Amino acid sequence: VHLMESGGDQAQVGGSLRLSCTVSGQSFTLNAWGWYRQPPGQAREKIATIGVFHGTTYANSVEGRFTISRDNGAGTIFLQMNNLTIDDTGTYYCNMGGWYDGPSLPVWGQGTQVTVSS
């Protein structure tokens, strides 16, 4: 299994970024997927998930600003991040599983770094 996150960058408060996570070596279409975030010095937290039928769930901290989506043909999930805040700074990862599941894969990608500054 290989998870490859990309799209992280430096951004200003109020800006936008779009992250991608491409999955290989794992059944994609019949599984839910999620985005996780690890702020500096803190634990990794789940922030958004998308189900098999494209139902989405978000953490309160990103609700209304972030949008998760998926492209089954490309084996990729996306995270559109709008109205960024300082607290969005961190390394972003993807993994398999729905909102009420833990991360279902025992491996993680390298993540993609998002740094938001004023």
N, C-alpha and C. Protein backbone atom coordinates (compact mmCIF):
# COMPACT_ATOMS: atom_id res chain seq x y z
N VAL A 1 0.85 -1.19 0.00
CA VAL A 1 0.00 0.00 0.00
C VAL A 1 0.89 1.24 0.00
N HIS A 2 0.51 2.18 -0.84
CA HIS A 2 1.27 3.43 -0.90
C HIS A 2 0.30 4.59 -0.91
N LEU A 3 0.52 5.52 0.01
CA LEU A 3 -0.28 6.74 0.10
C LEU A 3 0.63 7.91 -0.20
N MET A 4 0.26 8.73 -1.14
CA MET A 4 1.09 9.86 -1.52
C MET A 4 0.29 11.15 -1.44
N GLU A 5 0.61 11.94 -0.43
CA GLU A 5 -0.04 13.23 -0.25
C GLU A 5 0.77 14.32 -0.95
N SER A 6 0.07 15.31 -1.47
CA SER A 6 0.75 16.42 -2.13
C SER A 6 -0.14 17.67 -2.07
N GLY A 7 0.45 18.79 -2.43
CA GLY A 7 -0.32 20.02 -2.50
C GLY A 7 -0.06 20.98 -1.36
N GLY A 8 0.64 20.54 -0.35
CA GLY A 8 0.93 21.43 0.77
C GLY A 8 1.86 22.55 0.35
N ASP A 9 1.73 23.66 1.05
CA ASP A 9 2.53 24.84 0.69
C ASP A 9 2.41 25.85 1.82
N GLN A 10 3.09 26.95 1.64
CA GLN A 10 2.92 28.09 2.55
C GLN A 10 1.75 28.92 2.03
N ALA A 11 0.96 29.42 2.95
CA ALA A 11 -0.19 30.23 2.57
C ALA A 11 -0.41 31.30 3.63
N GLN A 12 -1.12 32.31 3.24
CA GLN A 12 -1.46 33.37 4.19
C GLN A 12 -2.82 33.12 4.80
N VAL A 13 -3.04 33.70 5.94
CA VAL A 13 -4.35 33.63 6.58
C VAL A 13 -5.41 34.11 5.59
N GLY A 14 -6.46 33.32 5.48
CA GLY A 14 -7.52 33.64 4.53
C GLY A 14 -7.34 33.02 3.16
N GLY A 15 -6.18 32.44 2.92
CA GLY A 15 -5.89 31.85 1.62
C GLY A 15 -6.48 30.47 1.46
N SER A 16 -6.14 29.84 0.35
CA SER A 16 -6.67 28.52 0.02
C SER A 16 -5.56 27.61 -0.48
N LEU A 17 -5.75 26.34 -0.25
CA LEU A 17 -4.88 25.30 -0.78
C LEU A 17 -5.73 24.09 -1.13
N ARG A 18 -5.24 23.28 -2.04
CA ARG A 18 -5.91 22.03 -2.40
C ARG A 18 -4.92 20.89 -2.28
N LEU A 19 -5.23 19.97 -1.41
CA LEU A 19 -4.39 18.81 -1.18
C LEU A 19 -4.92 17.61 -1.95
N SER A 20 -4.01 16.73 -2.31
CA SER A 20 -4.37 15.48 -2.97
C SER A 20 -3.71 14.31 -2.25
N CYS A 21 -4.36 13.18 -2.30
CA CYS A 21 -3.78 11.95 -1.78
C CYS A 21 -4.10 10.84 -2.78
N THR A 22 -3.08 10.28 -3.36
CA THR A 22 -3.26 9.20 -4.33
C THR A 22 -2.90 7.88 -3.67
N VAL A 23 -3.79 6.93 -3.85
CA VAL A 23 -3.67 5.62 -3.20
C VAL A 23 -3.32 4.57 -4.24
N SER A 24 -2.38 3.72 -3.91
CA SER A 24 -2.07 2.59 -4.77
C SER A 24 -1.87 1.36 -3.90
N GLY A 25 -2.15 0.20 -4.49
CA GLY A 25 -1.97 -1.04 -3.77
C GLY A 25 -3.07 -1.37 -2.78
N GLN A 26 -4.17 -0.67 -2.85
CA GLN A 26 -5.29 -0.89 -1.92
C GLN A 26 -6.58 -0.59 -2.67
N SER A 27 -7.59 -1.43 -2.44
CA SER A 27 -8.90 -1.17 -3.03
C SER A 27 -9.38 0.21 -2.61
N PHE A 28 -9.75 1.02 -3.59
CA PHE A 28 -10.09 2.41 -3.30
C PHE A 28 -11.60 2.64 -3.29
N THR A 29 -12.27 2.21 -4.34
CA THR A 29 -13.67 2.59 -4.56
C THR A 29 -14.60 2.11 -3.45
N LEU A 30 -14.35 0.95 -2.90
CA LEU A 30 -15.27 0.36 -1.93
C LEU A 30 -14.89 0.68 -0.49
N ASN A 31 -14.10 1.70 -0.28
CA ASN A 31 -13.68 2.09 1.05
C ASN A 31 -13.88 3.58 1.29
N ALA A 32 -14.10 3.91 2.55
CA ALA A 32 -14.11 5.31 2.96
C ALA A 32 -12.67 5.75 3.17
N TRP A 33 -12.47 7.06 3.03
CA TRP A 33 -11.14 7.63 3.18
C TRP A 33 -11.21 8.93 3.98
N GLY A 34 -10.10 9.27 4.59
CA GLY A 34 -10.11 10.47 5.41
C GLY A 34 -8.80 11.23 5.38
N TRP A 35 -8.92 12.48 5.77
CA TRP A 35 -7.75 13.34 5.95
C TRP A 35 -7.48 13.53 7.44
N TYR A 36 -6.21 13.51 7.77
CA TYR A 36 -5.75 13.73 9.13
C TYR A 36 -4.77 14.90 9.13
N ARG A 37 -4.68 15.53 10.28
CA ARG A 37 -3.77 16.67 10.40
C ARG A 37 -2.96 16.52 11.69
N GLN A 38 -1.67 16.82 11.61
CA GLN A 38 -0.82 16.80 12.80
C GLN A 38 -0.17 18.15 12.96
N PRO A 39 -0.70 18.99 13.86
CA PRO A 39 -0.07 20.29 14.12
C PRO A 39 1.29 20.08 14.77
N PRO A 40 2.16 21.05 14.70
CA PRO A 40 3.50 20.92 15.31
C PRO A 40 3.40 20.59 16.78
N GLY A 41 4.07 19.53 17.20
CA GLY A 41 4.12 19.15 18.60
C GLY A 41 2.84 18.55 19.14
N GLN A 42 1.89 18.24 18.28
CA GLN A 42 0.62 17.70 18.73
C GLN A 42 0.34 16.35 18.07
N ALA A 43 -0.69 15.69 18.55
CA ALA A 43 -1.07 14.39 18.01
C ALA A 43 -1.80 14.55 16.68
N ARG A 44 -1.77 13.54 15.91
CA ARG A 44 -2.50 13.53 14.65
C ARG A 44 -4.00 13.42 14.92
N GLU A 45 -4.80 14.19 14.21
CA GLU A 45 -6.24 14.22 14.42
C GLU A 45 -6.96 14.06 13.08
N LYS A 46 -8.11 13.42 13.13
CA LYS A 46 -8.91 13.25 11.93
C LYS A 46 -9.70 14.53 11.69
N ILE A 47 -9.72 15.02 10.47
CA ILE A 47 -10.44 16.26 10.20
C ILE A 47 -11.54 16.12 9.16
N ALA A 48 -11.49 15.11 8.32
CA ALA A 48 -12.54 14.96 7.30
C ALA A 48 -12.53 13.54 6.77
N THR A 49 -13.72 13.03 6.48
CA THR A 49 -13.82 11.72 5.85
C THR A 49 -14.86 11.76 4.74
N ILE A 50 -14.72 10.84 3.80
CA ILE A 50 -15.68 10.70 2.71
C ILE A 50 -15.97 9.23 2.53
N GLY A 51 -17.26 8.90 2.50
CA GLY A 51 -17.68 7.52 2.40
C GLY A 51 -17.76 7.01 0.98
N VAL A 52 -18.13 5.74 0.89
CA VAL A 52 -18.25 5.08 -0.42
C VAL A 52 -19.24 5.81 -1.32
N PHE A 53 -20.31 6.30 -0.72
CA PHE A 53 -21.33 7.02 -1.49
C PHE A 53 -21.16 8.54 -1.38
N HIS A 54 -19.96 8.95 -1.05
CA HIS A 54 -19.55 10.35 -1.06
C HIS A 54 -20.14 11.16 0.09
N GLY A 55 -20.71 10.49 1.08
CA GLY A 55 -21.11 11.21 2.28
C GLY A 55 -19.88 11.73 3.01
N THR A 56 -19.95 12.96 3.54
CA THR A 56 -18.78 13.58 4.16
C THR A 56 -19.06 13.95 5.61
N THR A 57 -18.00 13.94 6.40
CA THR A 57 -18.05 14.37 7.80
C THR A 57 -16.81 15.18 8.08
N TYR A 58 -16.96 16.23 8.91
CA TYR A 58 -15.86 17.12 9.20
C TYR A 58 -15.72 17.37 10.69
N ALA A 59 -14.50 17.62 11.10
CA ALA A 59 -14.27 18.11 12.45
C ALA A 59 -14.82 19.52 12.55
N ASN A 60 -15.22 19.90 13.76
CA ASN A 60 -15.78 21.24 13.96
C ASN A 60 -14.80 22.33 13.52
N SER A 61 -13.52 22.06 13.70
CA SER A 61 -12.50 23.07 13.43
C SER A 61 -12.38 23.41 11.94
N VAL A 62 -12.87 22.53 11.06
CA VAL A 62 -12.72 22.79 9.63
C VAL A 62 -14.07 22.85 8.90
N GLU A 63 -15.14 22.52 9.61
CA GLU A 63 -16.48 22.53 9.01
C GLU A 63 -16.77 23.89 8.38
N GLY A 64 -17.24 23.87 7.15
CA GLY A 64 -17.58 25.11 6.45
C GLY A 64 -16.42 25.75 5.72
N ARG A 65 -15.21 25.28 5.98
CA ARG A 65 -14.04 25.86 5.29
C ARG A 65 -13.34 24.84 4.41
N PHE A 66 -13.38 23.58 4.80
CA PHE A 66 -12.70 22.52 4.05
C PHE A 66 -13.74 21.64 3.36
N THR A 67 -13.37 21.12 2.20
CA THR A 67 -14.24 20.20 1.47
C THR A 67 -13.42 19.00 1.02
N ILE A 68 -13.86 17.82 1.41
CA ILE A 68 -13.22 16.59 0.97
C ILE A 68 -13.98 16.03 -0.22
N SER A 69 -13.25 15.49 -1.17
CA SER A 69 -13.88 14.88 -2.34
C SER A 69 -13.02 13.71 -2.79
N ARG A 70 -13.55 12.93 -3.72
CA ARG A 70 -12.81 11.77 -4.19
C ARG A 70 -13.02 11.57 -5.68
N ASP A 71 -12.01 11.00 -6.31
CA ASP A 71 -12.07 10.62 -7.72
C ASP A 71 -11.73 9.13 -7.77
N ASN A 72 -12.77 8.31 -7.85
CA ASN A 72 -12.55 6.87 -7.79
C ASN A 72 -11.70 6.37 -8.95
N GLY A 73 -11.87 6.96 -10.11
CA GLY A 73 -11.10 6.52 -11.27
C GLY A 73 -9.61 6.77 -11.11
N ALA A 74 -9.28 7.81 -10.39
CA ALA A 74 -7.88 8.15 -10.19
C ALA A 74 -7.33 7.62 -8.87
N GLY A 75 -8.20 7.03 -8.05
CA GLY A 75 -7.75 6.53 -6.75
C GLY A 75 -7.20 7.66 -5.88
N THR A 76 -7.90 8.78 -5.90
CA THR A 76 -7.38 9.98 -5.24
C THR A 76 -8.47 10.66 -4.43
N ILE A 77 -8.10 11.16 -3.27
CA ILE A 77 -8.98 12.03 -2.52
C ILE A 77 -8.35 13.41 -2.47
N PHE A 78 -9.20 14.40 -2.29
CA PHE A 78 -8.79 15.80 -2.29
C PHE A 78 -9.27 16.48 -1.02
N LEU A 79 -8.60 17.56 -0.67
CA LEU A 79 -9.06 18.40 0.42
C LEU A 79 -8.91 19.84 -0.03
N GLN A 80 -10.02 20.47 -0.32
CA GLN A 80 -10.03 21.90 -0.65
C GLN A 80 -10.10 22.67 0.65
N MET A 81 -9.10 23.49 0.89
CA MET A 81 -8.98 24.21 2.14
C MET A 81 -9.13 25.70 1.85
N ASN A 82 -10.17 26.30 2.36
CA ASN A 82 -10.42 27.73 2.16
C ASN A 82 -10.38 28.46 3.49
N ASN A 83 -10.21 29.78 3.40
CA ASN A 83 -10.21 30.62 4.59
C ASN A 83 -9.27 30.06 5.66
N LEU A 84 -8.05 29.81 5.25
CA LEU A 84 -7.07 29.19 6.15
C LEU A 84 -6.78 30.06 7.35
N THR A 85 -6.52 29.42 8.48
CA THR A 85 -6.12 30.09 9.70
C THR A 85 -4.76 29.56 10.16
N ILE A 86 -4.18 30.26 11.12
CA ILE A 86 -2.89 29.83 11.67
C ILE A 86 -2.98 28.41 12.20
N ASP A 87 -4.13 28.08 12.79
CA ASP A 87 -4.31 26.75 13.39
C ASP A 87 -4.38 25.63 12.38
N ASP A 88 -4.45 25.95 11.10
CA ASP A 88 -4.45 24.92 10.07
C ASP A 88 -3.03 24.45 9.74
N THR A 89 -2.05 25.10 10.31
CA THR A 89 -0.66 24.69 10.09
C THR A 89 -0.43 23.28 10.60
N GLY A 90 0.24 22.48 9.80
CA GLY A 90 0.53 21.12 10.20
C GLY A 90 0.86 20.25 9.01
N THR A 91 1.12 18.98 9.31
CA THR A 91 1.34 18.00 8.27
C THR A 91 0.05 17.23 8.05
N TYR A 92 -0.33 17.10 6.80
CA TYR A 92 -1.61 16.49 6.45
C TYR A 92 -1.36 15.11 5.84
N TYR A 93 -2.16 14.16 6.29
CA TYR A 93 -2.04 12.78 5.86
C TYR A 93 -3.42 12.24 5.45
N CYS A 94 -3.41 11.18 4.68
CA CYS A 94 -4.65 10.49 4.39
C CYS A 94 -4.55 9.04 4.86
N ASN A 95 -5.70 8.43 5.08
CA ASN A 95 -5.74 7.02 5.44
C ASN A 95 -7.13 6.51 5.15
N MET A 96 -7.29 5.23 5.21
CA MET A 96 -8.57 4.60 4.91
C MET A 96 -9.43 4.52 6.15
N GLY A 97 -10.74 4.63 5.96
CA GLY A 97 -11.66 4.47 7.08
C GLY A 97 -12.63 5.62 7.19
N GLY A 98 -13.79 5.32 7.78
CA GLY A 98 -14.80 6.34 7.97
C GLY A 98 -14.60 7.14 9.24
N TRP A 99 -15.55 8.05 9.52
CA TRP A 99 -15.39 8.96 10.65
C TRP A 99 -15.31 8.24 11.98
N TYR A 100 -16.10 7.17 12.14
CA TYR A 100 -16.15 6.46 13.42
C TYR A 100 -15.17 5.29 13.46
N ASP A 101 -14.34 5.17 12.46
CA ASP A 101 -13.30 4.15 12.44
C ASP A 101 -11.97 4.79 12.80
N GLY A 102 -11.05 3.97 13.25
CA GLY A 102 -9.68 4.44 13.33
C GLY A 102 -9.07 4.37 11.95
N PRO A 103 -7.88 4.85 11.79
CA PRO A 103 -7.22 4.67 10.50
C PRO A 103 -7.07 3.18 10.21
N SER A 104 -7.54 2.75 9.06
CA SER A 104 -7.63 1.32 8.77
C SER A 104 -6.35 0.74 8.19
N LEU A 105 -5.46 1.57 7.73
CA LEU A 105 -4.22 1.08 7.16
C LEU A 105 -3.09 1.29 8.17
N PRO A 106 -2.22 0.31 8.32
CA PRO A 106 -1.13 0.42 9.29
C PRO A 106 0.04 1.27 8.80
N VAL A 107 -0.09 1.78 7.58
CA VAL A 107 0.98 2.60 7.03
C VAL A 107 0.46 4.00 6.77
N TRP A 108 1.38 4.93 6.76
CA TRP A 108 1.08 6.31 6.46
C TRP A 108 2.01 6.80 5.37
N GLY A 109 1.53 7.78 4.61
CA GLY A 109 2.40 8.42 3.65
C GLY A 109 3.34 9.39 4.35
N GLN A 110 4.11 10.11 3.57
CA GLN A 110 5.04 11.09 4.14
C GLN A 110 4.32 12.36 4.58
N GLY A 111 3.09 12.51 4.12
CA GLY A 111 2.35 13.71 4.48
C GLY A 111 2.75 14.88 3.61
N THR A 112 1.96 15.93 3.71
CA THR A 112 2.26 17.16 2.98
C THR A 112 2.12 18.33 3.96
N GLN A 113 3.08 19.21 3.94
CA GLN A 113 3.18 20.28 4.95
C GLN A 113 2.40 21.51 4.52
N VAL A 114 1.57 21.98 5.43
CA VAL A 114 0.84 23.23 5.24
C VAL A 114 1.29 24.20 6.32
N THR A 115 1.72 25.37 5.90
CA THR A 115 2.15 26.40 6.83
C THR A 115 1.38 27.67 6.52
N VAL A 116 0.62 28.13 7.51
CA VAL A 116 -0.21 29.32 7.32
C VAL A 116 0.36 30.43 8.19
N SER A 117 0.57 31.57 7.59
CA SER A 117 1.13 32.71 8.32
C SER A 117 0.30 33.96 8.05
N SER A 118 0.45 34.91 8.94
CA SER A 118 -0.31 36.17 8.80
C SER A 118 0.48 37.18 8.00
